[in-house]
Amino acid sequence: MVIAREIEDINIKDRDGLAATVGFFDGVHQGHRYLIRQMQEEAARRGLPTAVITFPVHPRKVLQADFQPHLLNSFEEKVRHLAALGLDYCIALDFTRELSLLDAQTFIADVLSARWKVRMLLVGYDHRFGHERREGFEQYKMYGAACGMEVLQAGRYNAEATAVSSSEVRRLLLAGRVDEAARLLTYPYQLRGHIVGGHRVGRRIGFPTANIRVDEPYKLLPAIGVYAVKVRLAAADYIGMLYIGNRPTLDNGEDITLEVNILDFAGDIYEKEISVFFLYRLLNDIRFTSVEA
């Protein structure tokens, strides 16, 4: 999959026309994958290369500087999940204030058609775009026809009546239900970061932990508690137990700590990159009477 930021990044033979769908695709969950599969099937019928058009930065963050998005993926993670779906292109469209003011007709004609050569657009079942999202599918279809673009509406995803959305995944993670979130995502939720120095209390009591500084500042942290995790470190995988919380036994204040005890591992790993994949929640946070307890 090619990441395209300008039309020149698109292979010249593909500039005759793309099949595309548009969205933020945070999490690349089951619902997103269902939409993308439909787009790929329609593209294959028409002999068109496939593209997902998405945004590196959350649109609300551009419009509202103090907005704190609770992201399920960093942009790099999102691209990796999209690439695994067999797409030809990921078009990384910078969301700007100017773009936010475009009505749907101008967005379809000037951005999708003229700039990015989209010839078939699949619109999510309940997706709306354009300034203030005033219009819907019937208008999109009419605007597309005026510039030679076929606009189709995706079928509704129904996973046995289970709600599948980025908001639902966030709700499950904030409740500590990481195994249920993984089923909607189709993969275990991940945090990636670097190992930093801590208070070394775990080492003193025989269970050394690695403190993690998450690389993506807006990445959602699951609920406070103790989790079984898979750990990826220096291209090797381990099993670990991860703690998220403010260490009430040590009177850590309000600061949230992420630290993982990596089973069957020893070594100096400060400043190394680490990824943790959440498997299931083991315990709530507990205040002990002492470090010894």
C-alpha atoms as a PDB file:
ATOM      1  CA  MET A   1       0.000   0.000   0.000  1.00  0.00           C
ATOM      2  CA  VAL A   2       1.315   3.425  -0.987  1.00  0.00           C
ATOM      3  CA  ILE A   3       0.786   6.392   1.337  1.00  0.00           C
ATOM      4  CA  ALA A   4      -0.131   9.288  -0.946  1.00  0.00           C
ATOM      5  CA  ARG A   5       0.033  12.929   0.114  1.00  0.00           C
ATOM      6  CA  GLU A   6       0.023  14.399  -3.413  1.00  0.00           C
ATOM      7  CA  ILE A   7      -1.424  13.124  -6.680  1.00  0.00           C
ATOM      8  CA  GLU A   8       2.149  12.541  -7.867  1.00  0.00           C
ATOM      9  CA  ASP A   9       2.353   9.717  -5.302  1.00  0.00           C
ATOM     10  CA  ILE A  10      -0.318   7.842  -7.274  1.00  0.00           C
ATOM     11  CA  ASN A  11       1.030   5.592 -10.015  1.00  0.00           C
ATOM     12  CA  ILE A  12       0.491   7.383 -13.325  1.00  0.00           C
ATOM     13  CA  LYS A  13      -1.508   4.469 -14.770  1.00  0.00           C
ATOM     14  CA  ASP A  14      -3.909   4.713 -11.788  1.00  0.00           C
ATOM     15  CA  ARG A  15      -4.611   8.416 -12.245  1.00  0.00           C
ATOM     16  CA  ASP A  16      -7.355   7.592 -14.730  1.00  0.00           C
ATOM     17  CA  GLY A  17      -9.560   6.817 -11.766  1.00  0.00           C
ATOM     18  CA  LEU A  18      -9.663   5.462  -8.220  1.00  0.00           C
ATOM     19  CA  ALA A  19     -12.300   3.734  -6.137  1.00  0.00           C
ATOM     20  CA  ALA A  20     -12.312   5.308  -2.680  1.00  0.00           C
ATOM     21  CA  THR A  21     -14.021   5.726   0.645  1.00  0.00           C
ATOM     22  CA  VAL A  22     -13.483   8.562   3.141  1.00  0.00           C
ATOM     23  CA  GLY A  23     -13.258   8.596   6.933  1.00  0.00           C
ATOM     24  CA  PHE A  24     -11.086   8.950  10.004  1.00  0.00           C
ATOM     25  CA  PHE A  25     -11.127   5.166  10.578  1.00  0.00           C
ATOM     26  CA  ASP A  26      -9.921   5.325  14.173  1.00  0.00           C
ATOM     27  CA  GLY A  27      -9.352   1.741  15.307  1.00  0.00           C
ATOM     28  CA  VAL A  28      -9.927   0.174  11.852  1.00  0.00           C
ATOM     29  CA  HIS A  29     -12.550  -1.979  13.571  1.00  0.00           C
ATOM     30  CA  GLN A  30     -15.000  -4.562  12.219  1.00  0.00           C
ATOM     31  CA  GLY A  31     -17.365  -1.918  10.859  1.00  0.00           C
ATOM     32  CA  HIS A  32     -14.557  -0.125   9.011  1.00  0.00           C
ATOM     33  CA  ARG A  33     -13.332  -3.413   7.568  1.00  0.00           C
ATOM     34  CA  TYR A  34     -16.820  -4.283   6.344  1.00  0.00           C
ATOM     35  CA  LEU A  35     -17.024  -0.912   4.533  1.00  0.00           C
ATOM     36  CA  ILE A  36     -13.571  -1.344   2.990  1.00  0.00           C
ATOM     37  CA  ARG A  37     -14.389  -4.876   1.793  1.00  0.00           C
ATOM     38  CA  GLN A  38     -17.481  -3.525   0.034  1.00  0.00           C
ATOM     39  CA  MET A  39     -15.380  -0.810  -1.616  1.00  0.00           C
ATOM     40  CA  GLN A  40     -12.831  -3.391  -2.770  1.00  0.00           C
ATOM     41  CA  GLU A  41     -15.559  -5.586  -4.236  1.00  0.00           C
ATOM     42  CA  GLU A  42     -17.109  -2.670  -6.146  1.00  0.00           C
ATOM     43  CA  ALA A  43     -13.660  -1.582  -7.329  1.00  0.00           C
ATOM     44  CA  ALA A  44     -12.881  -5.082  -8.621  1.00  0.00           C
ATOM     45  CA  ARG A  45     -16.107  -5.063 -10.680  1.00  0.00           C
ATOM     46  CA  ARG A  46     -14.997  -1.826 -12.307  1.00  0.00           C
ATOM     47  CA  GLY A  47     -11.303  -2.628 -12.620  1.00  0.00           C
ATOM     48  CA  LEU A  48     -10.284   0.313 -10.410  1.00  0.00           C
ATOM     49  CA  PRO A  49      -7.427   0.615  -7.890  1.00  0.00           C
ATOM     50  CA  THR A  50      -8.555   1.133  -4.283  1.00  0.00           C
ATOM     51  CA  ALA A  51      -7.900   3.976  -1.873  1.00  0.00           C
ATOM     52  CA  VAL A  52      -8.899   4.955   1.645  1.00  0.00           C
ATOM     53  CA  ILE A  53      -8.894   8.719   2.186  1.00  0.00           C
ATOM     54  CA  THR A  54      -8.179   9.576   5.806  1.00  0.00           C
ATOM     55  CA  PHE A  55      -6.679  12.296   7.983  1.00  0.00           C
ATOM     56  CA  PRO A  56      -3.381  12.182   9.913  1.00  0.00           C
ATOM     57  CA  VAL A  57      -4.760  14.534  12.615  1.00  0.00           C
ATOM     58  CA  HIS A  58      -8.222  14.304  14.171  1.00  0.00           C
ATOM     59  CA  PRO A  59     -10.420  16.935  12.444  1.00  0.00           C
ATOM     60  CA  ARG A  60     -11.770  18.286  15.749  1.00  0.00           C
ATOM     61  CA  LYS A  61      -8.207  18.872  16.946  1.00  0.00           C
ATOM     62  CA  VAL A  62      -7.644  21.178  13.953  1.00  0.00           C
ATOM     63  CA  LEU A  63     -10.832  23.148  14.634  1.00  0.00           C
ATOM     64  CA  GLN A  64     -10.595  23.164  18.431  1.00  0.00           C
ATOM     65  CA  ALA A  65      -7.035  23.476  19.741  1.00  0.00           C
ATOM     66  CA  ASP A  66      -7.891  22.368  23.293  1.00  0.00           C
ATOM     67  CA  PHE A  67      -9.751  19.231  22.154  1.00  0.00           C
ATOM     68  CA  GLN A  68      -8.207  16.078  23.615  1.00  0.00           C
ATOM     69  CA  PRO A  69      -9.014  13.169  21.260  1.00  0.00           C
ATOM     70  CA  HIS A  70      -8.965   9.709  22.820  1.00  0.00           C
ATOM     71  CA  LEU A  71      -7.349   7.908  19.909  1.00  0.00           C
ATOM     72  CA  LEU A  72      -7.470   4.164  19.393  1.00  0.00           C
ATOM     73  CA  ASN A  73      -4.604   4.339  16.867  1.00  0.00           C
ATOM     74  CA  SER A  74      -1.718   6.628  16.153  1.00  0.00           C
ATOM     75  CA  PHE A  75      -1.593   7.517  12.464  1.00  0.00           C
ATOM     76  CA  GLU A  76       1.246   5.013  11.966  1.00  0.00           C
ATOM     77  CA  GLU A  77      -0.780   2.234  13.607  1.00  0.00           C
ATOM     78  CA  LYS A  78      -3.827   3.081  11.517  1.00  0.00           C
ATOM     79  CA  VAL A  79      -1.771   2.932   8.321  1.00  0.00           C
ATOM     80  CA  ARG A  80      -0.373  -0.462   9.341  1.00  0.00           C
ATOM     81  CA  HIS A  81      -3.864  -1.883   9.883  1.00  0.00           C
ATOM     82  CA  LEU A  82      -5.105  -0.452   6.576  1.00  0.00           C
ATOM     83  CA  ALA A  83      -2.106  -1.850   4.700  1.00  0.00           C
ATOM     84  CA  ALA A  84      -2.952  -5.344   5.976  1.00  0.00           C
ATOM     85  CA  LEU A  85      -6.323  -5.129   4.187  1.00  0.00           C
ATOM     86  CA  GLY A  86      -4.756  -5.182   0.718  1.00  0.00           C
ATOM     87  CA  LEU A  87      -5.537  -1.604  -0.309  1.00  0.00           C
ATOM     88  CA  ASP A  88      -3.583   0.038  -3.109  1.00  0.00           C
ATOM     89  CA  TYR A  89      -3.422   3.520  -1.566  1.00  0.00           C
ATOM     90  CA  CYS A  90      -3.923   5.376   1.678  1.00  0.00           C
ATOM     91  CA  ILE A  91      -4.468   9.041   0.825  1.00  0.00           C
ATOM     92  CA  ALA A  92      -3.367  11.143   3.817  1.00  0.00           C
ATOM     93  CA  LEU A  93      -5.444  14.286   3.438  1.00  0.00           C
ATOM     94  CA  ASP A  94      -4.493  17.189   5.691  1.00  0.00           C
ATOM     95  CA  PHE A  95      -7.640  18.448   7.390  1.00  0.00           C
ATOM     96  CA  THR A  96      -7.549  22.250   7.485  1.00  0.00           C
ATOM     97  CA  ARG A  97      -9.982  25.014   8.446  1.00  0.00           C
ATOM     98  CA  GLU A  98     -10.335  25.784   4.744  1.00  0.00           C
ATOM     99  CA  LEU A  99     -11.269  22.174   4.020  1.00  0.00           C
ATOM    100  CA  SER A 100     -13.821  22.198   6.860  1.00  0.00           C
ATOM    101  CA  LEU A 101     -15.664  25.103   5.179  1.00  0.00           C
ATOM    102  CA  LEU A 102     -16.173  23.299   1.872  1.00  0.00           C
ATOM    103  CA  ASP A 103     -19.709  22.154   1.183  1.00  0.00           C
ATOM    104  CA  ALA A 104     -20.240  18.582  -0.002  1.00  0.00           C
ATOM    105  CA  GLN A 105     -20.567  19.591  -3.666  1.00  0.00           C
ATOM    106  CA  THR A 106     -17.225  21.425  -3.690  1.00  0.00           C
ATOM    107  CA  PHE A 107     -15.499  18.654  -1.741  1.00  0.00           C
ATOM    108  CA  ILE A 108     -16.699  16.033  -4.219  1.00  0.00           C
ATOM    109  CA  ALA A 109     -15.966  18.080  -7.346  1.00  0.00           C
ATOM    110  CA  ASP A 110     -12.742  19.867  -6.424  1.00  0.00           C
ATOM    111  CA  VAL A 111     -11.039  17.598  -3.893  1.00  0.00           C
ATOM    112  CA  LEU A 112     -12.171  14.061  -4.667  1.00  0.00           C
ATOM    113  CA  SER A 113     -12.722  14.292  -8.418  1.00  0.00           C
ATOM    114  CA  ALA A 114     -10.417  17.015  -9.758  1.00  0.00           C
ATOM    115  CA  ARG A 115      -7.538  16.595  -7.315  1.00  0.00           C
ATOM    116  CA  TRP A 116      -7.579  12.892  -6.455  1.00  0.00           C
ATOM    117  CA  LYS A 117      -9.250  11.403  -9.570  1.00  0.00           C
ATOM    118  CA  VAL A 118     -11.879   9.472  -7.615  1.00  0.00           C
ATOM    119  CA  ARG A 119     -14.267   7.825 -10.095  1.00  0.00           C
ATOM    120  CA  MET A 120     -16.181   5.615  -7.674  1.00  0.00           C
ATOM    121  CA  LEU A 121     -16.944   6.737  -4.122  1.00  0.00           C
ATOM    122  CA  LEU A 122     -18.442   4.418  -1.524  1.00  0.00           C
ATOM    123  CA  VAL A 123     -20.124   6.363   1.279  1.00  0.00           C
ATOM    124  CA  GLY A 124     -20.619   4.747   4.685  1.00  0.00           C
ATOM    125  CA  TYR A 125     -24.202   3.815   5.565  1.00  0.00           C
ATOM    126  CA  ASP A 126     -24.682   6.767   7.937  1.00  0.00           C
ATOM    127  CA  HIS A 127     -21.657   8.894   6.996  1.00  0.00           C
ATOM    128  CA  ARG A 128     -22.036  12.604   6.224  1.00  0.00           C
ATOM    129  CA  PHE A 129     -19.433  15.111   5.138  1.00  0.00           C
ATOM    130  CA  GLY A 130     -19.200  18.690   3.916  1.00  0.00           C
ATOM    131  CA  HIS A 131     -19.630  21.918   5.910  1.00  0.00           C
ATOM    132  CA  GLU A 132     -21.918  21.287   8.896  1.00  0.00           C
ATOM    133  CA  ARG A 133     -22.867  17.935   7.294  1.00  0.00           C
ATOM    134  CA  ARG A 134     -26.040  19.484   5.935  1.00  0.00           C
ATOM    135  CA  GLU A 135     -26.613  17.058   3.069  1.00  0.00           C
ATOM    136  CA  GLY A 136     -26.885  13.321   2.599  1.00  0.00           C
ATOM    137  CA  PHE A 137     -26.420  10.475   0.167  1.00  0.00           C
ATOM    138  CA  GLU A 138     -28.934  11.587  -2.474  1.00  0.00           C
ATOM    139  CA  GLN A 139     -27.163  14.937  -2.817  1.00  0.00           C
ATOM    140  CA  TYR A 140     -23.724  13.256  -2.894  1.00  0.00           C
ATOM    141  CA  LYS A 141     -24.932  10.994  -5.687  1.00  0.00           C
ATOM    142  CA  MET A 142     -26.170  13.976  -7.711  1.00  0.00           C
ATOM    143  CA  TYR A 143     -22.945  15.970  -7.182  1.00  0.00           C
ATOM    144  CA  GLY A 144     -20.858  12.960  -8.173  1.00  0.00           C
ATOM    145  CA  ALA A 145     -22.826  12.392 -11.390  1.00  0.00           C
ATOM    146  CA  ALA A 146     -22.190  16.016 -12.395  1.00  0.00           C
ATOM    147  CA  CYS A 147     -18.422  15.404 -12.431  1.00  0.00           C
ATOM    148  CA  GLY A 148     -18.381  11.831 -13.733  1.00  0.00           C
ATOM    149  CA  MET A 149     -18.138  10.113 -10.347  1.00  0.00           C
ATOM    150  CA  GLU A 150     -20.269   7.133  -9.370  1.00  0.00           C
ATOM    151  CA  VAL A 151     -21.378   7.477  -5.750  1.00  0.00           C
ATOM    152  CA  LEU A 152     -22.622   4.352  -3.953  1.00  0.00           C
ATOM    153  CA  GLN A 153     -23.942   3.826  -0.435  1.00  0.00           C
ATOM    154  CA  ALA A 154     -22.503   1.016   1.660  1.00  0.00           C
ATOM    155  CA  GLY A 155     -24.717  -1.597   3.243  1.00  0.00           C
ATOM    156  CA  ARG A 156     -25.295  -1.409   6.972  1.00  0.00           C
ATOM    157  CA  TYR A 157     -23.033  -3.550   9.149  1.00  0.00           C
ATOM    158  CA  ASN A 158     -24.814  -5.748  11.667  1.00  0.00           C
ATOM    159  CA  ALA A 159     -22.676  -8.055  13.767  1.00  0.00           C
ATOM    160  CA  GLU A 160     -25.525  -9.922  15.452  1.00  0.00           C
ATOM    161  CA  ALA A 161     -26.935  -6.595  16.672  1.00  0.00           C
ATOM    162  CA  THR A 162     -23.681  -5.732  18.479  1.00  0.00           C
ATOM    163  CA  ALA A 163     -22.823  -2.041  18.274  1.00  0.00           C
ATOM    164  CA  VAL A 164     -19.542  -1.627  16.398  1.00  0.00           C
ATOM    165  CA  SER A 165     -18.098   1.856  16.462  1.00  0.00           C
ATOM    166  CA  SER A 166     -14.989   3.660  17.637  1.00  0.00           C
ATOM    167  CA  SER A 167     -17.094   5.105  20.473  1.00  0.00           C
ATOM    168  CA  GLU A 168     -18.139   1.619  21.602  1.00  0.00           C
ATOM    169  CA  VAL A 169     -14.517   0.427  21.576  1.00  0.00           C
ATOM    170  CA  ARG A 170     -13.544   3.419  23.727  1.00  0.00           C
ATOM    171  CA  ARG A 171     -16.380   2.665  26.150  1.00  0.00           C
ATOM    172  CA  LEU A 172     -15.189  -0.914  26.576  1.00  0.00           C
ATOM    173  CA  LEU A 173     -11.556   0.129  27.092  1.00  0.00           C
ATOM    174  CA  LEU A 174     -12.538   2.737  29.680  1.00  0.00           C
ATOM    175  CA  ALA A 175     -14.423  -0.012  31.497  1.00  0.00           C
ATOM    176  CA  GLY A 176     -11.345  -2.294  31.414  1.00  0.00           C
ATOM    177  CA  ARG A 177     -13.082  -4.776  29.099  1.00  0.00           C
ATOM    178  CA  VAL A 178     -10.089  -5.068  26.799  1.00  0.00           C
ATOM    179  CA  ASP A 179     -10.925  -8.597  25.616  1.00  0.00           C
ATOM    180  CA  GLU A 180     -14.338  -7.417  24.380  1.00  0.00           C
ATOM    181  CA  ALA A 181     -12.739  -4.382  22.714  1.00  0.00           C
ATOM    182  CA  ALA A 182     -10.329  -6.719  20.920  1.00  0.00           C
ATOM    183  CA  ARG A 183     -13.255  -8.613  19.383  1.00  0.00           C
ATOM    184  CA  LEU A 184     -14.635  -5.400  17.875  1.00  0.00           C
ATOM    185  CA  LEU A 185     -11.191  -4.237  16.733  1.00  0.00           C
ATOM    186  CA  THR A 186     -10.196  -7.720  15.457  1.00  0.00           C
ATOM    187  CA  TYR A 187      -6.845  -7.366  17.270  1.00  0.00           C
ATOM    188  CA  PRO A 188      -5.613  -6.713  20.833  1.00  0.00           C
ATOM    189  CA  TYR A 189      -5.503  -3.039  21.817  1.00  0.00           C
ATOM    190  CA  GLN A 190      -1.937  -1.734  21.779  1.00  0.00           C
ATOM    191  CA  LEU A 191       0.147   0.908  23.519  1.00  0.00           C
ATOM    192  CA  ARG A 192       3.578   1.711  22.114  1.00  0.00           C
ATOM    193  CA  GLY A 193       6.215   3.815  23.811  1.00  0.00           C
ATOM    194  CA  HIS A 194       9.654   3.955  25.370  1.00  0.00           C
ATOM    195  CA  ILE A 195      10.912   2.703  28.706  1.00  0.00           C
ATOM    196  CA  VAL A 196      11.841   5.429  31.191  1.00  0.00           C
ATOM    197  CA  GLY A 197      13.310   5.481  34.676  1.00  0.00           C
ATOM    198  CA  GLY A 198      10.991   4.975  37.638  1.00  0.00           C
ATOM    199  CA  HIS A 199      11.202   4.673  41.419  1.00  0.00           C
ATOM    200  CA  ARG A 200      12.591   1.109  41.244  1.00  0.00           C
ATOM    201  CA  VAL A 201      10.265  -0.087  44.007  1.00  0.00           C
ATOM    202  CA  GLY A 202       9.394  -3.223  42.025  1.00  0.00           C
ATOM    203  CA  ARG A 203      13.063  -4.100  41.682  1.00  0.00           C
ATOM    204  CA  ARG A 204      13.594  -3.754  45.445  1.00  0.00           C
ATOM    205  CA  ILE A 205      10.817  -6.241  46.218  1.00  0.00           C
ATOM    206  CA  GLY A 206      11.840  -8.746  43.547  1.00  0.00           C
ATOM    207  CA  PHE A 207       9.460  -7.847  40.710  1.00  0.00           C
ATOM    208  CA  PRO A 208      11.206  -5.286  38.479  1.00  0.00           C
ATOM    209  CA  THR A 209       8.904  -3.268  36.249  1.00  0.00           C
ATOM    210  CA  ALA A 210       9.540  -1.175  33.151  1.00  0.00           C
ATOM    211  CA  ASN A 211       7.874   2.239  33.230  1.00  0.00           C
ATOM    212  CA  ILE A 212       6.376   3.184  29.857  1.00  0.00           C
ATOM    213  CA  ARG A 213       6.055   6.638  28.323  1.00  0.00           C
ATOM    214  CA  VAL A 214       3.454   6.311  25.546  1.00  0.00           C
ATOM    215  CA  ASP A 215       4.617   7.851  22.252  1.00  0.00           C
ATOM    216  CA  GLU A 216       1.179   9.055  21.061  1.00  0.00           C
ATOM    217  CA  PRO A 217       0.056  11.695  23.610  1.00  0.00           C
ATOM    218  CA  TYR A 218      -3.640  11.353  22.700  1.00  0.00           C
ATOM    219  CA  LYS A 219      -3.778   7.564  22.844  1.00  0.00           C
ATOM    220  CA  LEU A 220      -6.585   6.289  25.050  1.00  0.00           C
ATOM    221  CA  LEU A 221      -5.468   4.513  28.237  1.00  0.00           C
ATOM    222  CA  PRO A 222      -7.682   1.626  29.388  1.00  0.00           C
ATOM    223  CA  ALA A 223      -9.230   1.726  32.856  1.00  0.00           C
ATOM    224  CA  ILE A 224      -7.023   1.746  35.926  1.00  0.00           C
ATOM    225  CA  GLY A 225      -6.095  -1.771  36.976  1.00  0.00           C
ATOM    226  CA  VAL A 226      -3.818  -4.739  36.339  1.00  0.00           C
ATOM    227  CA  TYR A 227      -3.778  -6.502  32.960  1.00  0.00           C
ATOM    228  CA  ALA A 228      -2.338  -9.582  31.331  1.00  0.00           C
ATOM    229  CA  VAL A 229      -0.453  -8.372  28.265  1.00  0.00           C
ATOM    230  CA  LYS A 230       1.795  -9.525  25.470  1.00  0.00           C
ATOM    231  CA  VAL A 231       5.016  -7.503  25.335  1.00  0.00           C
ATOM    232  CA  ARG A 232       7.068  -6.849  22.217  1.00  0.00           C
ATOM    233  CA  LEU A 233      10.638  -5.763  22.902  1.00  0.00           C
ATOM    234  CA  ALA A 234      13.562  -5.820  20.465  1.00  0.00           C
ATOM    235  CA  ALA A 235      11.581  -7.954  17.972  1.00  0.00           C
ATOM    236  CA  ALA A 236      10.891 -10.622  20.616  1.00  0.00           C
ATOM    237  CA  ASP A 237       7.573 -11.383  22.322  1.00  0.00           C
ATOM    238  CA  TYR A 238       7.021 -12.031  26.013  1.00  0.00           C
ATOM    239  CA  ILE A 239       4.128 -12.354  28.422  1.00  0.00           C
ATOM    240  CA  GLY A 240       3.743  -9.645  31.033  1.00  0.00           C
ATOM    241  CA  MET A 241       1.574  -8.093  33.718  1.00  0.00           C
ATOM    242  CA  LEU A 242       0.885  -4.386  33.266  1.00  0.00           C
ATOM    243  CA  TYR A 243      -0.318  -1.886  35.838  1.00  0.00           C
ATOM    244  CA  ILE A 244      -2.161   1.354  35.058  1.00  0.00           C
ATOM    245  CA  GLY A 245      -2.840   3.596  38.027  1.00  0.00           C
ATOM    246  CA  ASN A 246      -1.579   6.126  40.531  1.00  0.00           C
ATOM    247  CA  ARG A 247       0.057   3.622  42.919  1.00  0.00           C
ATOM    248  CA  PRO A 248      -2.077   4.417  46.001  1.00  0.00           C
ATOM    249  CA  THR A 249       0.146   2.327  48.311  1.00  0.00           C
ATOM    250  CA  LEU A 250       3.033   4.687  47.484  1.00  0.00           C
ATOM    251  CA  ASP A 251       0.946   7.884  47.653  1.00  0.00           C
ATOM    252  CA  ASN A 252       1.799   8.723  44.057  1.00  0.00           C
ATOM    253  CA  GLY A 253      -0.774  11.540  43.934  1.00  0.00           C
ATOM    254  CA  GLU A 254      -2.843  11.907  40.767  1.00  0.00           C
ATOM    255  CA  ASP A 255      -0.052  10.953  38.353  1.00  0.00           C
ATOM    256  CA  ILE A 256      -0.964   7.893  36.287  1.00  0.00           C
ATOM    257  CA  THR A 257       1.798   5.310  35.943  1.00  0.00           C
ATOM    258  CA  LEU A 258       2.140   2.575  33.322  1.00  0.00           C
ATOM    259  CA  GLU A 259       4.553  -0.170  34.321  1.00  0.00           C
ATOM    260  CA  VAL A 260       4.952  -3.704  33.128  1.00  0.00           C
ATOM    261  CA  ASN A 261       6.586  -6.739  34.726  1.00  0.00           C
ATOM    262  CA  ILE A 262       7.969  -8.823  31.848  1.00  0.00           C
ATOM    263  CA  LEU A 263       7.968 -12.511  32.733  1.00  0.00           C
ATOM    264  CA  ASP A 264      11.151 -14.528  32.165  1.00  0.00           C
ATOM    265  CA  PHE A 265      13.172 -11.487  31.135  1.00  0.00           C
ATOM    266  CA  ALA A 266      16.192  -9.676  32.542  1.00  0.00           C
ATOM    267  CA  GLY A 267      18.294  -6.881  31.094  1.00  0.00           C
ATOM    268  CA  ASP A 268      18.869  -3.138  30.878  1.00  0.00           C
ATOM    269  CA  ILE A 269      16.141  -1.792  28.618  1.00  0.00           C
ATOM    270  CA  TYR A 270      15.929   1.908  29.481  1.00  0.00           C
ATOM    271  CA  GLU A 271      14.996   4.106  26.503  1.00  0.00           C
ATOM    272  CA  LYS A 272      14.171   1.021  24.419  1.00  0.00           C
ATOM    273  CA  GLU A 273      10.978   0.944  22.366  1.00  0.00           C
ATOM    274  CA  ILE A 274       8.255  -1.311  23.764  1.00  0.00           C
ATOM    275  CA  SER A 275       4.755  -2.342  22.711  1.00  0.00           C
ATOM    276  CA  VAL A 276       2.141  -3.908  24.970  1.00  0.00           C
ATOM    277  CA  PHE A 277      -0.962  -5.723  23.701  1.00  0.00           C
ATOM    278  CA  PHE A 278      -3.850  -6.034  26.159  1.00  0.00           C
ATOM    279  CA  LEU A 279      -5.246  -9.549  26.647  1.00  0.00           C
ATOM    280  CA  TYR A 280      -7.564  -9.263  29.667  1.00  0.00           C
ATOM    281  CA  ARG A 281      -7.992  -7.429  32.952  1.00  0.00           C
ATOM    282  CA  LEU A 282      -6.853  -9.200  36.104  1.00  0.00           C
ATOM    283  CA  LEU A 283      -7.519  -6.839  39.025  1.00  0.00           C
ATOM    284  CA  ASN A 284      -8.713  -3.418  40.069  1.00  0.00           C
ATOM    285  CA  ASP A 285      -6.270  -1.034  41.716  1.00  0.00           C
ATOM    286  CA  ILE A 286      -5.616  -2.003  45.331  1.00  0.00           C
ATOM    287  CA  ARG A 287      -4.272   0.058  48.248  1.00  0.00           C
ATOM    288  CA  PHE A 288      -2.058  -2.174  50.436  1.00  0.00           C
ATOM    289  CA  THR A 289      -1.143  -1.356  54.005  1.00  0.00           C
ATOM    290  CA  SER A 290       2.562  -1.329  53.143  1.00  0.00           C
ATOM    291  CA  VAL A 291       5.075  -2.137  50.384  1.00  0.00           C
ATOM    292  CA  GLU A 292       5.795  -5.450  52.159  1.00  0.00           C
ATOM    293  CA  ALA A 293       2.098  -6.389  52.042  1.00  0.00           C
END
